[in-house]
């Protein structure tokens, strides 16, 4: 097994270990664990089964199979950014509603005095 495959597999195992550590210490939400678990699993599989890249590339008609994982990584980054924007938008709406409720509450307090 080439050194780069061993390094890739070790990176995947280290990522998986880090994810478990962060979840146990409540530093990473369980909602994000699945996402990062898929990243770790992809690294581990790529490291231990390097011919899988060639097989999947041949099935999809990709002439240079390693670029397939670059494309998948870019797609995953775009999906992650989309989910982050959705999450941020939801929080912005909640903050706006809370600010309006606080303003109404302060107005009621001033009028009652």
PDB file of N, CA and C in Angstrom:
ATOM      1  N   UNK A   1       0.855  -1.177   0.000  1.00  0.00           N
ATOM      2  CA  UNK A   1       0.000   0.000   0.000  1.00  0.00           C
ATOM      3  C   UNK A   1       0.900   1.239   0.000  1.00  0.00           C
ATOM      4  N   UNK A   2       0.666   2.148  -0.942  1.00  0.00           N
ATOM      5  CA  UNK A   2       1.490   3.373  -1.008  1.00  0.00           C
ATOM      6  C   UNK A   2       1.327   4.246   0.235  1.00  0.00           C
ATOM      7  N   UNK A   3       2.333   5.065   0.484  1.00  0.00           N
ATOM      8  CA  UNK A   3       2.353   5.917   1.668  1.00  0.00           C
ATOM      9  C   UNK A   3       1.181   6.888   1.668  1.00  0.00           C
ATOM     10  N   UNK A   4       0.830   7.457   0.500  1.00  0.00           N
ATOM     11  CA  UNK A   4      -0.259   8.432   0.474  1.00  0.00           C
ATOM     12  C   UNK A   4      -1.592   7.808   0.840  1.00  0.00           C
ATOM     13  N   UNK A   5      -1.797   6.537   0.563  1.00  0.00           N
ATOM     14  CA  UNK A   5      -3.035   5.870   0.984  1.00  0.00           C
ATOM     15  C   UNK A   5      -3.060   5.679   2.496  1.00  0.00           C
ATOM     16  N   UNK A   6      -1.907   5.346   3.061  1.00  0.00           N
ATOM     17  CA  UNK A   6      -1.828   5.192   4.513  1.00  0.00           C
ATOM     18  C   UNK A   6      -2.084   6.528   5.193  1.00  0.00           C
ATOM     19  N   UNK A   7      -1.500   7.595   4.650  1.00  0.00           N
ATOM     20  CA  UNK A   7      -1.707   8.933   5.216  1.00  0.00           C
ATOM     21  C   UNK A   7      -3.180   9.326   5.126  1.00  0.00           C
ATOM     22  N   UNK A   8      -3.810   9.047   4.008  1.00  0.00           N
ATOM     23  CA  UNK A   8      -5.229   9.369   3.845  1.00  0.00           C
ATOM     24  C   UNK A   8      -6.086   8.600   4.853  1.00  0.00           C
ATOM     25  N   UNK A   9      -5.806   7.322   5.015  1.00  0.00           N
ATOM     26  CA  UNK A   9      -6.564   6.518   5.979  1.00  0.00           C
ATOM     27  C   UNK A   9      -6.331   7.022   7.400  1.00  0.00           C
ATOM     28  N   UNK A  10      -5.089   7.372   7.730  1.00  0.00           N
ATOM     29  CA  UNK A  10      -4.793   7.897   9.065  1.00  0.00           C
ATOM     30  C   UNK A  10      -5.480   9.240   9.301  1.00  0.00           C
ATOM     31  N   UNK A  11      -5.535  10.078   8.275  1.00  0.00           N
ATOM     32  CA  UNK A  11      -6.267  11.346   8.403  1.00  0.00           C
ATOM     33  C   UNK A  11      -7.749  11.097   8.666  1.00  0.00           C
ATOM     34  N   UNK A  12      -8.308  10.127   7.987  1.00  0.00           N
ATOM     35  CA  UNK A  12      -9.713   9.776   8.216  1.00  0.00           C
ATOM     36  C   UNK A  12      -9.948   9.262   9.621  1.00  0.00           C
ATOM     37  N   UNK A  13      -9.058   8.398  10.101  1.00  0.00           N
ATOM     38  CA  UNK A  13      -9.194   7.886  11.466  1.00  0.00           C
ATOM     39  C   UNK A  13      -9.000   8.997  12.492  1.00  0.00           C
ATOM     40  N   UNK A  14      -8.044   9.891  12.251  1.00  0.00           N
ATOM     41  CA  UNK A  14      -7.827  11.022  13.159  1.00  0.00           C
ATOM     42  C   UNK A  14      -9.041  11.945  13.165  1.00  0.00           C
ATOM     43  N   UNK A  15      -9.619  12.179  11.997  1.00  0.00           N
ATOM     44  CA  UNK A  15     -10.822  13.014  11.915  1.00  0.00           C
ATOM     45  C   UNK A  15     -11.975  12.377  12.686  1.00  0.00           C
ATOM     46  N   UNK A  16     -12.147  11.071  12.517  1.00  0.00           N
ATOM     47  CA  UNK A  16     -13.210  10.364  13.239  1.00  0.00           C
ATOM     48  C   UNK A  16     -12.975  10.450  14.745  1.00  0.00           C
ATOM     49  N   UNK A  17     -11.730  10.266  15.173  1.00  0.00           N
ATOM     50  CA  UNK A  17     -11.418  10.381  16.597  1.00  0.00           C
ATOM     51  C   UNK A  17     -11.680  11.768  17.134  1.00  0.00           C
ATOM     52  N   UNK A  18     -11.302  12.783  16.358  1.00  0.00           N
ATOM     53  CA  UNK A  18     -11.534  14.164  16.768  1.00  0.00           C
ATOM     54  C   UNK A  18     -13.028  14.463  16.877  1.00  0.00           C
ATOM     55  N   UNK A  19     -13.807  13.947  15.940  1.00  0.00           N
ATOM     56  CA  UNK A  19     -15.265  14.152  15.969  1.00  0.00           C
ATOM     57  C   UNK A  19     -15.849  13.544  17.243  1.00  0.00           C
ATOM     58  N   UNK A  20     -15.459  12.321  17.553  1.00  0.00           N
ATOM     59  CA  UNK A  20     -15.966  11.671  18.763  1.00  0.00           C
ATOM     60  C   UNK A  20     -15.559  12.445  20.016  1.00  0.00           C
ATOM     61  N   UNK A  21     -14.323  12.912  20.051  1.00  0.00           N
ATOM     62  CA  UNK A  21     -13.849  13.689  21.192  1.00  0.00           C
ATOM     63  C   UNK A  21     -14.679  14.969  21.356  1.00  0.00           C
ATOM     64  N   UNK A  22     -14.884  15.691  20.234  1.00  0.00           N
ATOM     65  CA  UNK A  22     -15.636  16.947  20.296  1.00  0.00           C
ATOM     66  C   UNK A  22     -17.090  16.732  20.710  1.00  0.00           C
ATOM     67  N   UNK A  23     -17.690  15.653  20.264  1.00  0.00           N
ATOM     68  CA  UNK A  23     -19.075  15.353  20.645  1.00  0.00           C
ATOM     69  C   UNK A  23     -19.146  15.022  22.133  1.00  0.00           C
ATOM     70  N   UNK A  24     -18.196  14.244  22.620  1.00  0.00           N
ATOM     71  CA  UNK A  24     -18.193  13.879  24.048  1.00  0.00           C
ATOM     72  C   UNK A  24     -17.979  15.082  24.946  1.00  0.00           C
ATOM     73  N   UNK A  25     -17.214  16.062  24.481  1.00  0.00           N
ATOM     74  CA  UNK A  25     -16.949  17.263  25.279  1.00  0.00           C
ATOM     75  C   UNK A  25     -17.981  18.364  25.027  1.00  0.00           C
ATOM     76  N   UNK A  26     -19.021  18.063  24.268  1.00  0.00           N
ATOM     77  CA  UNK A  26     -20.078  19.019  23.914  1.00  0.00           C
ATOM     78  C   UNK A  26     -19.537  20.243  23.179  1.00  0.00           C
ATOM     79  N   UNK A  27     -18.527  20.051  22.380  1.00  0.00           N
ATOM     80  CA  UNK A  27     -17.983  21.129  21.548  1.00  0.00           C
ATOM     81  C   UNK A  27     -18.557  21.085  20.133  1.00  0.00           C
ATOM     82  N   UNK A  28     -19.117  19.944  19.758  1.00  0.00           N
ATOM     83  CA  UNK A  28     -19.702  19.775  18.429  1.00  0.00           C
ATOM     84  C   UNK A  28     -21.114  19.239  18.611  1.00  0.00           C
ATOM     85  N   UNK A  29     -22.061  19.925  17.985  1.00  0.00           N
ATOM     86  CA  UNK A  29     -23.455  19.515  18.071  1.00  0.00           C
ATOM     87  C   UNK A  29     -23.659  18.180  17.354  1.00  0.00           C
ATOM     88  N   UNK A  30     -24.585  17.397  17.865  1.00  0.00           N
ATOM     89  CA  UNK A  30     -24.886  16.106  17.255  1.00  0.00           C
ATOM     90  C   UNK A  30     -25.402  16.298  15.827  1.00  0.00           C
ATOM     91  N   UNK A  31     -26.028  17.456  15.564  1.00  0.00           N
ATOM     92  CA  UNK A  31     -26.531  17.731  14.212  1.00  0.00           C
ATOM     93  C   UNK A  31     -25.407  17.753  13.182  1.00  0.00           C
ATOM     94  N   UNK A  32     -24.235  18.204  13.577  1.00  0.00           N
ATOM     95  CA  UNK A  32     -23.118  18.303  12.646  1.00  0.00           C
ATOM     96  C   UNK A  32     -22.256  17.049  12.622  1.00  0.00           C
ATOM     97  N   UNK A  33     -22.499  16.141  13.537  1.00  0.00           N
ATOM     98  CA  UNK A  33     -21.696  14.931  13.621  1.00  0.00           C
ATOM     99  C   UNK A  33     -21.851  14.077  12.367  1.00  0.00           C
ATOM    100  N   UNK A  34     -23.052  13.970  11.862  1.00  0.00           N
ATOM    101  CA  UNK A  34     -23.278  13.167  10.659  1.00  0.00           C
ATOM    102  C   UNK A  34     -22.475  13.715   9.492  1.00  0.00           C
ATOM    103  N   UNK A  35     -22.492  15.022   9.323  1.00  0.00           N
ATOM    104  CA  UNK A  35     -21.755  15.660   8.226  1.00  0.00           C
ATOM    105  C   UNK A  35     -20.269  15.325   8.302  1.00  0.00           C
ATOM    106  N   UNK A  36     -19.674  15.573   9.468  1.00  0.00           N
ATOM    107  CA  UNK A  36     -18.244  15.328   9.624  1.00  0.00           C
ATOM    108  C   UNK A  36     -17.930  13.836   9.645  1.00  0.00           C
ATOM    109  N   UNK A  37     -18.871  13.023  10.078  1.00  0.00           N
ATOM    110  CA  UNK A  37     -18.691  11.573  10.021  1.00  0.00           C
ATOM    111  C   UNK A  37     -18.596  11.071   8.593  1.00  0.00           C
ATOM    112  N   UNK A  38     -19.383  11.662   7.708  1.00  0.00           N
ATOM    113  CA  UNK A  38     -19.299  11.299   6.288  1.00  0.00           C
ATOM    114  C   UNK A  38     -17.945  11.686   5.695  1.00  0.00           C
ATOM    115  N   UNK A  39     -17.432  12.830   6.104  1.00  0.00           N
ATOM    116  CA  UNK A  39     -16.107  13.258   5.631  1.00  0.00           C
ATOM    117  C   UNK A  39     -15.048  12.268   6.100  1.00  0.00           C
ATOM    118  N   UNK A  40     -15.096  11.897   7.376  1.00  0.00           N
ATOM    119  CA  UNK A  40     -14.125  10.942   7.919  1.00  0.00           C
ATOM    120  C   UNK A  40     -14.252   9.588   7.229  1.00  0.00           C
ATOM    121  N   UNK A  41     -15.485   9.124   7.025  1.00  0.00           N
ATOM    122  CA  UNK A  41     -15.696   7.836   6.362  1.00  0.00           C
ATOM    123  C   UNK A  41     -15.164   7.856   4.932  1.00  0.00           C
ATOM    124  N   UNK A  42     -15.385   8.967   4.246  1.00  0.00           N
ATOM    125  CA  UNK A  42     -14.856   9.090   2.883  1.00  0.00           C
ATOM    126  C   UNK A  42     -13.343   9.015   2.840  1.00  0.00           C
ATOM    127  N   UNK A  43     -12.690   9.672   3.794  1.00  0.00           N
ATOM    128  CA  UNK A  43     -11.221   9.609   3.859  1.00  0.00           C
ATOM    129  C   UNK A  43     -10.734   8.202   4.175  1.00  0.00           C
ATOM    130  N   UNK A  44     -11.396   7.551   5.106  1.00  0.00           N
ATOM    131  CA  UNK A  44     -10.990   6.193   5.488  1.00  0.00           C
ATOM    132  C   UNK A  44     -11.169   5.234   4.320  1.00  0.00           C
ATOM    133  N   UNK A  45     -12.315   5.296   3.665  1.00  0.00           N
ATOM    134  CA  UNK A  45     -12.576   4.401   2.525  1.00  0.00           C
ATOM    135  C   UNK A  45     -11.593   4.668   1.396  1.00  0.00           C
ATOM    136  N   UNK A  46     -11.334   5.938   1.110  1.00  0.00           N
ATOM    137  CA  UNK A  46     -10.387   6.286   0.051  1.00  0.00           C
ATOM    138  C   UNK A  46      -8.986   5.770   0.384  1.00  0.00           C
ATOM    139  N   UNK A  47      -8.610   5.824   1.647  1.00  0.00           N
ATOM    140  CA  UNK A  47      -7.291   5.349   2.051  1.00  0.00           C
ATOM    141  C   UNK A  47      -7.154   3.844   1.996  1.00  0.00           C
ATOM    142  N   UNK A  48      -8.160   3.125   2.478  1.00  0.00           N
ATOM    143  CA  UNK A  48      -8.071   1.671   2.533  1.00  0.00           C
ATOM    144  C   UNK A  48      -8.448   0.980   1.222  1.00  0.00           C
ATOM    145  N   UNK A  49      -9.270   1.620   0.403  1.00  0.00           N
ATOM    146  CA  UNK A  49      -9.699   1.028  -0.875  1.00  0.00           C
ATOM    147  C   UNK A  49      -9.397   2.023  -1.997  1.00  0.00           C
ATOM    148  N   UNK A  50      -8.108   2.200  -2.352  1.00  0.00           N
ATOM    149  CA  UNK A  50      -7.757   3.216  -3.345  1.00  0.00           C
ATOM    150  C   UNK A  50      -8.277   2.921  -4.750  1.00  0.00           C
ATOM    151  N   UNK A  51      -8.520   1.677  -5.069  1.00  0.00           N
ATOM    152  CA  UNK A  51      -9.018   1.334  -6.410  1.00  0.00           C
ATOM    153  C   UNK A  51     -10.486   1.727  -6.595  1.00  0.00           C
ATOM    154  N   UNK A  52     -11.148   2.032  -5.511  1.00  0.00           N
ATOM    155  CA  UNK A  52     -12.544   2.459  -5.591  1.00  0.00           C
ATOM    156  C   UNK A  52     -12.673   3.728  -6.421  1.00  0.00           C
ATOM    157  N   UNK A  53     -11.680   4.612  -6.301  1.00  0.00           N
ATOM    158  CA  UNK A  53     -11.676   5.849  -7.087  1.00  0.00           C
ATOM    159  C   UNK A  53     -11.662   5.543  -8.577  1.00  0.00           C
ATOM    160  N   UNK A  54     -10.801   4.611  -8.977  1.00  0.00           N
ATOM    161  CA  UNK A  54     -10.725   4.240 -10.396  1.00  0.00           C
ATOM    162  C   UNK A  54     -12.014   3.578 -10.866  1.00  0.00           C
ATOM    163  N   UNK A  55     -12.586   2.730 -10.032  1.00  0.00           N
ATOM    164  CA  UNK A  55     -13.812   2.021 -10.395  1.00  0.00           C
ATOM    165  C   UNK A  55     -14.978   2.986 -10.572  1.00  0.00           C
ATOM    166  N   UNK A  56     -15.163   3.873  -9.592  1.00  0.00           N
ATOM    167  CA  UNK A  56     -16.265   4.837  -9.666  1.00  0.00           C
ATOM    168  C   UNK A  56     -16.052   5.797 -10.836  1.00  0.00           C
ATOM    169  N   UNK A  57     -14.798   6.228 -11.040  1.00  0.00           N
ATOM    170  CA  UNK A  57     -14.492   7.112 -12.166  1.00  0.00           C
ATOM    171  C   UNK A  57     -14.813   6.458 -13.498  1.00  0.00           C
ATOM    172  N   UNK A  58     -14.477   5.170 -13.642  1.00  0.00           N
ATOM    173  CA  UNK A  58     -14.770   4.444 -14.887  1.00  0.00           C
ATOM    174  C   UNK A  58     -16.280   4.307 -15.088  1.00  0.00           C
ATOM    175  N   UNK A  59     -17.021   4.056 -13.991  1.00  0.00           N
ATOM    176  CA  UNK A  59     -18.479   3.946 -14.103  1.00  0.00           C
ATOM    177  C   UNK A  59     -19.107   5.255 -14.575  1.00  0.00           C
ATOM    178  N   UNK A  60     -18.557   6.383 -14.089  1.00  0.00           N
ATOM    179  CA  UNK A  60     -19.121   7.687 -14.438  1.00  0.00           C
ATOM    180  C   UNK A  60     -18.509   8.280 -15.705  1.00  0.00           C
ATOM    181  N   UNK A  61     -17.526   7.598 -16.283  1.00  0.00           N
ATOM    182  CA  UNK A  61     -16.915   8.079 -17.510  1.00  0.00           C
ATOM    183  C   UNK A  61     -15.928   9.218 -17.300  1.00  0.00           C
ATOM    184  N   UNK A  62     -15.347   9.298 -16.098  1.00  0.00           N
ATOM    185  CA  UNK A  62     -14.367  10.333 -15.800  1.00  0.00           C
ATOM    186  C   UNK A  62     -13.003   9.815 -16.243  1.00  0.00           C
ATOM    187  N   UNK A  63     -12.294  10.606 -17.068  1.00  0.00           N
ATOM    188  CA  UNK A  63     -11.012  10.156 -17.607  1.00  0.00           C
ATOM    189  C   UNK A  63      -9.879  10.229 -16.589  1.00  0.00           C
ATOM    190  N   UNK A  64      -9.958  11.136 -15.639  1.00  0.00           N
ATOM    191  CA  UNK A  64      -8.951  11.257 -14.580  1.00  0.00           C
ATOM    192  C   UNK A  64      -9.668  11.079 -13.249  1.00  0.00           C
ATOM    193  N   UNK A  65      -9.804   9.841 -12.776  1.00  0.00           N
ATOM    194  CA  UNK A  65     -10.634   9.536 -11.607  1.00  0.00           C
ATOM    195  C   UNK A  65     -10.336  10.337 -10.332  1.00  0.00           C
ATOM    196  N   UNK A  66      -9.084  10.695 -10.012  1.00  0.00           N
ATOM    197  CA  UNK A  66      -8.882  11.461  -8.772  1.00  0.00           C
ATOM    198  C   UNK A  66      -9.617  12.808  -8.746  1.00  0.00           C
ATOM    199  N   UNK A  67      -9.910  13.383  -9.896  1.00  0.00           N
ATOM    200  CA  UNK A  67     -10.619  14.659  -9.925  1.00  0.00           C
ATOM    201  C   UNK A  67     -12.055  14.490  -9.446  1.00  0.00           C
ATOM    202  N   UNK A  68     -12.559  13.251  -9.487  1.00  0.00           N
ATOM    203  CA  UNK A  68     -13.918  12.972  -9.029  1.00  0.00           C
ATOM    204  C   UNK A  68     -14.086  13.372  -7.567  1.00  0.00           C
ATOM    205  N   UNK A  69     -13.101  13.077  -6.733  1.00  0.00           N
ATOM    206  CA  UNK A  69     -13.201  13.430  -5.319  1.00  0.00           C
ATOM    207  C   UNK A  69     -13.061  14.929  -5.096  1.00  0.00           C
ATOM    208  N   UNK A  70     -12.330  15.596  -5.956  1.00  0.00           N
ATOM    209  CA  UNK A  70     -12.246  17.063  -5.871  1.00  0.00           C
ATOM    210  C   UNK A  70     -13.618  17.664  -6.175  1.00  0.00           C
ATOM    211  N   UNK A  71     -14.266  17.143  -7.196  1.00  0.00           N
ATOM    212  CA  UNK A  71     -15.605  17.619  -7.560  1.00  0.00           C
ATOM    213  C   UNK A  71     -16.594  17.344  -6.427  1.00  0.00           C
ATOM    214  N   UNK A  72     -16.522  16.150  -5.842  1.00  0.00           N
ATOM    215  CA  UNK A  72     -17.407  15.815  -4.724  1.00  0.00           C
ATOM    216  C   UNK A  72     -17.139  16.728  -3.535  1.00  0.00           C
ATOM    217  N   UNK A  73     -15.856  17.007  -3.258  1.00  0.00           N
ATOM    218  CA  UNK A  73     -15.504  17.888  -2.143  1.00  0.00           C
ATOM    219  C   UNK A  73     -16.047  19.298  -2.365  1.00  0.00           C
ATOM    220  N   UNK A  74     -15.925  19.811  -3.577  1.00  0.00           N
ATOM    221  CA  UNK A  74     -16.453  21.144  -3.879  1.00  0.00           C
ATOM    222  C   UNK A  74     -17.973  21.151  -3.729  1.00  0.00           C
ATOM    223  N   UNK A  75     -18.625  20.116  -4.200  1.00  0.00           N
ATOM    224  CA  UNK A  75     -20.080  20.005  -4.057  1.00  0.00           C
ATOM    225  C   UNK A  75     -20.481  19.973  -2.579  1.00  0.00           C
ATOM    226  N   UNK A  76     -19.732  19.229  -1.773  1.00  0.00           N
ATOM    227  CA  UNK A  76     -20.032  19.155  -0.340  1.00  0.00           C
ATOM    228  C   UNK A  76     -19.838  20.515   0.336  1.00  0.00           C
ATOM    229  N   UNK A  77     -18.821  21.262  -0.087  1.00  0.00           N
ATOM    230  CA  UNK A  77     -18.603  22.599   0.472  1.00  0.00           C
ATOM    231  C   UNK A  77     -19.777  23.511   0.128  1.00  0.00           C
ATOM    232  N   UNK A  78     -20.239  23.453  -1.114  1.00  0.00           N
ATOM    233  CA  UNK A  78     -21.392  24.265  -1.505  1.00  0.00           C
ATOM    234  C   UNK A  78     -22.635  23.900  -0.692  1.00  0.00           C
ATOM    235  N   UNK A  79     -22.870  22.605  -0.500  1.00  0.00           N
ATOM    236  CA  UNK A  79     -24.025  22.171   0.286  1.00  0.00           C
ATOM    237  C   UNK A  79     -23.883  22.649   1.723  1.00  0.00           C
ATOM    238  N   UNK A  80     -22.683  22.532   2.293  1.00  0.00           N
ATOM    239  CA  UNK A  80     -22.452  22.985   3.666  1.00  0.00           C
ATOM    240  C   UNK A  80     -22.695  24.488   3.794  1.00  0.00           C
ATOM    241  N   UNK A  81     -22.231  25.267   2.849  1.00  0.00           N
ATOM    242  CA  UNK A  81     -22.449  26.715   2.877  1.00  0.00           C
ATOM    243  C   UNK A  81     -23.940  27.028   2.770  1.00  0.00           C
ATOM    244  N   UNK A  82     -24.658  26.298   1.927  1.00  0.00           N
ATOM    245  CA  UNK A  82     -26.096  26.506   1.797  1.00  0.00           C
ATOM    246  C   UNK A  82     -26.801  26.248   3.124  1.00  0.00           C
ATOM    247  N   UNK A  83     -26.471  25.134   3.786  1.00  0.00           N
ATOM    248  CA  UNK A  83     -27.082  24.844   5.076  1.00  0.00           C
ATOM    249  C   UNK A  83     -26.718  25.889   6.119  1.00  0.00           C
ATOM    250  N   UNK A  84     -25.492  26.387   6.092  1.00  0.00           N
ATOM    251  CA  UNK A  84     -25.097  27.436   7.030  1.00  0.00           C
ATOM    252  C   UNK A  84     -25.890  28.711   6.790  1.00  0.00           C
ATOM    253  N   UNK A  85     -26.117  29.066   5.525  1.00  0.00           N
ATOM    254  CA  UNK A  85     -26.916  30.253   5.216  1.00  0.00           C
ATOM    255  C   UNK A  85     -28.364  30.083   5.651  1.00  0.00           C
ATOM    256  N   UNK A  86     -28.913  28.891   5.465  1.00  0.00           N
ATOM    257  CA  UNK A  86     -30.283  28.631   5.908  1.00  0.00           C
ATOM    258  C   UNK A  86     -30.364  28.768   7.420  1.00  0.00           C
ATOM    259  N   UNK A  87     -29.406  28.205   8.111  1.00  0.00           N
ATOM    260  CA  UNK A  87     -29.369  28.280   9.577  1.00  0.00           C
ATOM    261  C   UNK A  87     -29.225  29.727  10.049  1.00  0.00           C
ATOM    262  N   UNK A  88     -28.331  30.476   9.404  1.00  0.00           N
ATOM    263  CA  UNK A  88     -28.133  31.881   9.779  1.00  0.00           C
ATOM    264  C   UNK A  88     -29.387  32.702   9.512  1.00  0.00           C
ATOM    265  N   UNK A  89     -30.054  32.464   8.396  1.00  0.00           N
ATOM    266  CA  UNK A  89     -31.283  33.197   8.076  1.00  0.00           C
ATOM    267  C   UNK A  89     -32.362  32.928   9.119  1.00  0.00           C
ATOM    268  N   UNK A  90     -32.460  31.683   9.557  1.00  0.00           N
ATOM    269  CA  UNK A  90     -33.441  31.336  10.585  1.00  0.00           C
ATOM    270  C   UNK A  90     -33.136  32.080  11.878  1.00  0.00           C
ATOM    271  N   UNK A  91     -31.854  32.154  12.234  1.00  0.00           N
ATOM    272  CA  UNK A  91     -31.481  32.874  13.451  1.00  0.00           C
ATOM    273  C   UNK A  91     -31.727  34.379  13.320  1.00  0.00           C
ATOM    274  N   UNK A  92     -31.477  34.935  12.143  1.00  0.00           N
ATOM    275  CA  UNK A  92     -31.748  36.364  11.939  1.00  0.00           C
ATOM    276  C   UNK A  92     -33.230  36.668  12.128  1.00  0.00           C
ATOM    277  N   UNK A  93     -34.095  35.794  11.628  1.00  0.00           N
ATOM    278  CA  UNK A  93     -35.532  35.990  11.807  1.00  0.00           C
ATOM    279  C   UNK A  93     -35.918  35.896  13.285  1.00  0.00           C
ATOM    280  N   UNK A  94     -35.333  34.942  13.996  1.00  0.00           N
ATOM    281  CA  UNK A  94     -35.624  34.803  15.421  1.00  0.00           C
ATOM    282  C   UNK A  94     -35.149  36.026  16.198  1.00  0.00           C
ATOM    283  N   UNK A  95     -33.983  36.554  15.848  1.00  0.00           N
ATOM    284  CA  UNK A  95     -33.466  37.744  16.528  1.00  0.00           C
ATOM    285  C   UNK A  95     -34.372  38.939  16.263  1.00  0.00           C
ATOM    286  N   UNK A  96     -34.851  39.073  15.029  1.00  0.00           N
ATOM    287  CA  UNK A  96     -35.749  40.179  14.690  1.00  0.00           C
ATOM    288  C   UNK A  96     -37.039  40.098  15.498  1.00  0.00           C
ATOM    289  N   UNK A  97     -37.601  38.895  15.593  1.00  0.00           N
ATOM    290  CA  UNK A  97     -38.831  38.711  16.373  1.00  0.00           C
ATOM    291  C   UNK A  97     -38.587  39.018  17.845  1.00  0.00           C
ATOM    292  N   UNK A  98     -37.461  38.556  18.385  1.00  0.00           N
ATOM    293  CA  UNK A  98     -37.149  38.832  19.786  1.00  0.00           C
ATOM    294  C   UNK A  98     -36.948  40.324  20.045  1.00  0.00           C
ATOM    295  N   UNK A  99     -36.310  41.021  19.109  1.00  0.00           N
ATOM    296  CA  UNK A  99     -36.115  42.466  19.256  1.00  0.00           C
ATOM    297  C   UNK A  99     -37.457  43.191  19.247  1.00  0.00           C
ATOM    298  N   UNK A 100     -38.376  42.753  18.377  1.00  0.00           N
ATOM    299  CA  UNK A 100     -39.698  43.365  18.342  1.00  0.00           C
ATOM    300  C   UNK A 100     -40.467  43.106  19.636  1.00  0.00           C
ATOM    301  N   UNK A 101     -40.374  41.884  20.158  1.00  0.00           N
ATOM    302  CA  UNK A 101     -41.051  41.571  21.417  1.00  0.00           C
ATOM    303  C   UNK A 101     -40.466  42.376  22.570  1.00  0.00           C
ATOM    304  N   UNK A 102     -39.152  42.544  22.579  1.00  0.00           N
ATOM    305  CA  UNK A 102     -38.509  43.337  23.623  1.00  0.00           C
ATOM    306  C   UNK A 102     -38.957  44.790  23.546  1.00  0.00           C
ATOM    307  N   UNK A 103     -39.056  45.322  22.325  1.00  0.00           N
ATOM    308  CA  UNK A 103     -39.512  46.703  22.160  1.00  0.00           C
ATOM    309  C   UNK A 103     -40.948  46.855  22.658  1.00  0.00           C
ATOM    310  N   UNK A 104     -41.815  45.902  22.343  1.00  0.00           N
ATOM    311  CA  UNK A 104     -43.196  45.951  22.835  1.00  0.00           C
ATOM    312  C   UNK A 104     -43.240  45.857  24.359  1.00  0.00           C
ATOM    313  N   UNK A 105     -42.434  44.995  24.929  1.00  0.00           N
ATOM    314  CA  UNK A 105     -42.396  44.841  26.377  1.00  0.00           C
ATOM    315  C   UNK A 105     -41.929  46.130  27.049  1.00  0.00           C
ATOM    316  N   UNK A 106     -40.862  46.741  26.514  1.00  0.00           N
ATOM    317  CA  UNK A 106     -40.367  48.001  27.073  1.00  0.00           C
ATOM    318  C   UNK A 106     -41.391  49.116  26.933  1.00  0.00           C
ATOM    319  N   UNK A 107     -42.107  49.133  25.807  1.00  0.00           N
ATOM    320  CA  UNK A 107     -43.151  50.128  25.602  1.00  0.00           C
ATOM    321  C   UNK A 107     -44.284  49.953  26.610  1.00  0.00           C
ATOM    322  N   UNK A 108     -44.672  48.713  26.864  1.00  0.00           N
ATOM    323  CA  UNK A 108     -45.720  48.454  27.851  1.00  0.00           C
ATOM    324  C   UNK A 108     -45.265  48.859  29.255  1.00  0.00           C
ATOM    325  N   UNK A 109     -44.025  48.604  29.577  1.00  0.00           N
ATOM    326  CA  UNK A 109     -43.504  48.995  30.907  1.00  0.00           C
ATOM    327  C   UNK A 109     -43.488  50.503  31.088  1.00  0.00           C
ATOM    328  N   UNK A 110     -43.077  51.218  30.029  1.00  0.00           N
ATOM    329  CA  UNK A 110     -43.044  52.682  30.110  1.00  0.00           C
ATOM    330  C   UNK A 110     -44.457  53.256  30.247  1.00  0.00           C
ATOM    331  N   UNK A 111     -45.411  52.681  29.547  1.00  0.00           N
ATOM    332  CA  UNK A 111     -46.793  53.181  29.595  1.00  0.00           C
ATOM    333  C   UNK A 111     -47.482  52.844  30.915  1.00  0.00           C
ATOM    334  N   UNK A 112     -47.045  51.761  31.561  1.00  0.00           N
ATOM    335  CA  UNK A 112     -47.683  51.373  32.818  1.00  0.00           C
ATOM    336  C   UNK A 112     -47.150  52.185  33.991  1.00  0.00           C
ATOM    337  N   UNK A 113     -45.991  52.799  33.849  1.00  0.00           N
ATOM    338  CA  UNK A 113     -45.430  53.614  34.944  1.00  0.00           C
ATOM    339  C   UNK A 113     -46.047  54.942  35.048  1.00  0.00           C
TER     340      UNK A 113
END
